[in-house]
Amino acid sequence: MVSFADNPVVTDPKKSLNVSERRALLAIRDYRRQYATLTGFVVGPFRATDATILRLRILGLVRGRVPKLNLTEAGRIAADRLQKPKEAAR
């Protein structure tokens, strides 16, 4: 297992994740309403494809299945790092 400090997804998620993966990660952190559809998943107001959620699972950022997707510790750290620039700009 790779430590958090050596995992590029955790240390720099903005470069390692594409836009839909970043949005899905933040939506899983912020919203509890989750359900499956024919084309993927709905998490809060955000729609994600099966491939997006699968990639987050492979990277070790998300565990569980809809309706109980949860962030792992690495996922929480990555989501916090994604959110920091917005809070600093306020």
C-alpha atoms as a PDB file:
ATOM      1  CA  MET A   1       0.000   0.000   0.000  1.00  0.00           C
ATOM      2  CA  VAL A   2       1.245   3.470  -0.888  1.00  0.00           C
ATOM      3  CA  SER A   3       1.486   6.027   1.920  1.00  0.00           C
ATOM      4  CA  PHE A   4      -0.505   9.246   1.640  1.00  0.00           C
ATOM      5  CA  ALA A   5       2.649  11.303   1.146  1.00  0.00           C
ATOM      6  CA  ASP A   6       3.697   9.170  -1.849  1.00  0.00           C
ATOM      7  CA  ASN A   7       0.254   9.020  -3.475  1.00  0.00           C
ATOM      8  CA  PRO A   8       0.006  11.744  -6.172  1.00  0.00           C
ATOM      9  CA  VAL A   9      -3.803  11.665  -6.047  1.00  0.00           C
ATOM     10  CA  VAL A  10      -3.699  12.728  -2.398  1.00  0.00           C
ATOM     11  CA  THR A  11      -0.816  15.200  -2.633  1.00  0.00           C
ATOM     12  CA  ASP A  12      -2.044  16.985  -5.780  1.00  0.00           C
ATOM     13  CA  PRO A  13      -5.606  15.939  -6.642  1.00  0.00           C
ATOM     14  CA  LYS A  14      -6.162  18.854  -9.021  1.00  0.00           C
ATOM     15  CA  LYS A  15      -3.549  17.457 -11.428  1.00  0.00           C
ATOM     16  CA  SER A  16      -4.326  13.768 -10.858  1.00  0.00           C
ATOM     17  CA  LEU A  17      -8.128  13.826 -11.198  1.00  0.00           C
ATOM     18  CA  ASN A  18     -10.214  15.049 -14.093  1.00  0.00           C
ATOM     19  CA  VAL A  19     -13.054  17.543 -13.595  1.00  0.00           C
ATOM     20  CA  SER A  20     -15.843  14.978 -13.238  1.00  0.00           C
ATOM     21  CA  GLU A  21     -13.824  12.952 -10.724  1.00  0.00           C
ATOM     22  CA  ARG A  22     -13.160  16.077  -8.660  1.00  0.00           C
ATOM     23  CA  ARG A  23     -16.830  17.052  -8.718  1.00  0.00           C
ATOM     24  CA  ALA A  24     -17.896  13.519  -7.760  1.00  0.00           C
ATOM     25  CA  LEU A  25     -15.399  13.403  -4.885  1.00  0.00           C
ATOM     26  CA  LEU A  26     -16.657  16.699  -3.460  1.00  0.00           C
ATOM     27  CA  ALA A  27     -20.308  15.690  -3.975  1.00  0.00           C
ATOM     28  CA  ILE A  28     -19.798  12.416  -2.084  1.00  0.00           C
ATOM     29  CA  ARG A  29     -18.243  14.385   0.755  1.00  0.00           C
ATOM     30  CA  ASP A  30     -20.958  17.062   0.868  1.00  0.00           C
ATOM     31  CA  TYR A  31     -24.217  15.227   0.105  1.00  0.00           C
ATOM     32  CA  ARG A  32     -25.930  12.232   1.678  1.00  0.00           C
ATOM     33  CA  ARG A  33     -28.593  11.677  -1.007  1.00  0.00           C
ATOM     34  CA  GLN A  34     -27.252   9.004  -3.363  1.00  0.00           C
ATOM     35  CA  TYR A  35     -28.974   6.628  -5.743  1.00  0.00           C
ATOM     36  CA  ALA A  36     -28.288   4.619  -8.869  1.00  0.00           C
ATOM     37  CA  THR A  37     -29.806   5.344 -12.285  1.00  0.00           C
ATOM     38  CA  LEU A  38     -29.589   3.503 -15.598  1.00  0.00           C
ATOM     39  CA  THR A  39     -26.665   5.646 -16.738  1.00  0.00           C
ATOM     40  CA  GLY A  40     -24.722   5.969 -13.484  1.00  0.00           C
ATOM     41  CA  PHE A  41     -25.232   7.570 -10.100  1.00  0.00           C
ATOM     42  CA  VAL A  42     -26.774  10.688  -8.627  1.00  0.00           C
ATOM     43  CA  VAL A  43     -25.006  12.165  -5.620  1.00  0.00           C
ATOM     44  CA  GLY A  44     -26.765  15.282  -4.380  1.00  0.00           C
ATOM     45  CA  PRO A  45     -27.318  17.481  -7.445  1.00  0.00           C
ATOM     46  CA  PHE A  46     -24.418  15.867  -9.339  1.00  0.00           C
ATOM     47  CA  ARG A  47     -24.671  12.989 -11.830  1.00  0.00           C
ATOM     48  CA  ALA A  48     -21.682  10.673 -12.202  1.00  0.00           C
ATOM     49  CA  THR A  49     -21.061   7.800 -14.590  1.00  0.00           C
ATOM     50  CA  ASP A  50     -20.201   4.290 -13.453  1.00  0.00           C
ATOM     51  CA  ALA A  51     -16.672   4.783 -14.802  1.00  0.00           C
ATOM     52  CA  THR A  52     -16.093   7.900 -12.680  1.00  0.00           C
ATOM     53  CA  ILE A  53     -17.078   6.173  -9.436  1.00  0.00           C
ATOM     54  CA  LEU A  54     -15.107   3.054 -10.417  1.00  0.00           C
ATOM     55  CA  ARG A  55     -11.957   5.123 -10.995  1.00  0.00           C
ATOM     56  CA  LEU A  56     -12.354   6.792  -7.588  1.00  0.00           C
ATOM     57  CA  ARG A  57     -12.653   3.322  -6.039  1.00  0.00           C
ATOM     58  CA  ILE A  58      -9.553   2.063  -7.881  1.00  0.00           C
ATOM     59  CA  LEU A  59      -7.585   5.101  -6.695  1.00  0.00           C
ATOM     60  CA  GLY A  60      -8.637   4.309  -3.131  1.00  0.00           C
ATOM     61  CA  LEU A  61     -10.599   7.520  -2.562  1.00  0.00           C
ATOM     62  CA  VAL A  62     -14.091   5.998  -2.231  1.00  0.00           C
ATOM     63  CA  ARG A  63     -15.464   2.824  -0.677  1.00  0.00           C
ATOM     64  CA  GLY A  64     -18.908   1.281  -0.464  1.00  0.00           C
ATOM     65  CA  ARG A  65     -21.775   1.195  -2.909  1.00  0.00           C
ATOM     66  CA  VAL A  66     -24.658   3.522  -3.598  1.00  0.00           C
ATOM     67  CA  PRO A  67     -26.522   4.590  -1.467  1.00  0.00           C
ATOM     68  CA  LYS A  68     -23.647   4.347   1.012  1.00  0.00           C
ATOM     69  CA  LEU A  69     -20.623   5.749  -0.801  1.00  0.00           C
ATOM     70  CA  ASN A  70     -18.078   7.057   1.688  1.00  0.00           C
ATOM     71  CA  LEU A  71     -14.721   8.699   1.354  1.00  0.00           C
ATOM     72  CA  THR A  72     -11.674   6.878   2.624  1.00  0.00           C
ATOM     73  CA  GLU A  73      -9.081   8.765   4.656  1.00  0.00           C
ATOM     74  CA  ALA A  74      -7.171   9.445   1.417  1.00  0.00           C
ATOM     75  CA  GLY A  75     -10.401  10.686  -0.166  1.00  0.00           C
ATOM     76  CA  ARG A  76     -11.031  13.097   2.714  1.00  0.00           C
ATOM     77  CA  ILE A  77      -7.528  14.521   2.436  1.00  0.00           C
ATOM     78  CA  ALA A  78      -7.835  14.894  -1.353  1.00  0.00           C
ATOM     79  CA  ALA A  79     -11.259  16.581  -1.031  1.00  0.00           C
ATOM     80  CA  ASP A  80      -9.893  19.001   1.570  1.00  0.00           C
ATOM     81  CA  ARG A  81      -6.993  19.889  -0.713  1.00  0.00           C
ATOM     82  CA  LEU A  82      -9.382  20.490  -3.593  1.00  0.00           C
ATOM     83  CA  GLN A  83     -11.524  22.779  -1.448  1.00  0.00           C
ATOM     84  CA  LYS A  84      -8.720  24.888   0.096  1.00  0.00           C
ATOM     85  CA  PRO A  85      -8.120  27.262  -2.869  1.00  0.00           C
ATOM     86  CA  LYS A  86     -11.794  28.323  -2.918  1.00  0.00           C
ATOM     87  CA  GLU A  87     -11.800  29.121   0.803  1.00  0.00           C
ATOM     88  CA  ALA A  88      -8.559  31.099   0.520  1.00  0.00           C
ATOM     89  CA  ALA A  89     -10.034  33.257  -2.273  1.00  0.00           C
ATOM     90  CA  ARG A  90     -12.953  34.451  -0.117  1.00  0.00           C
END
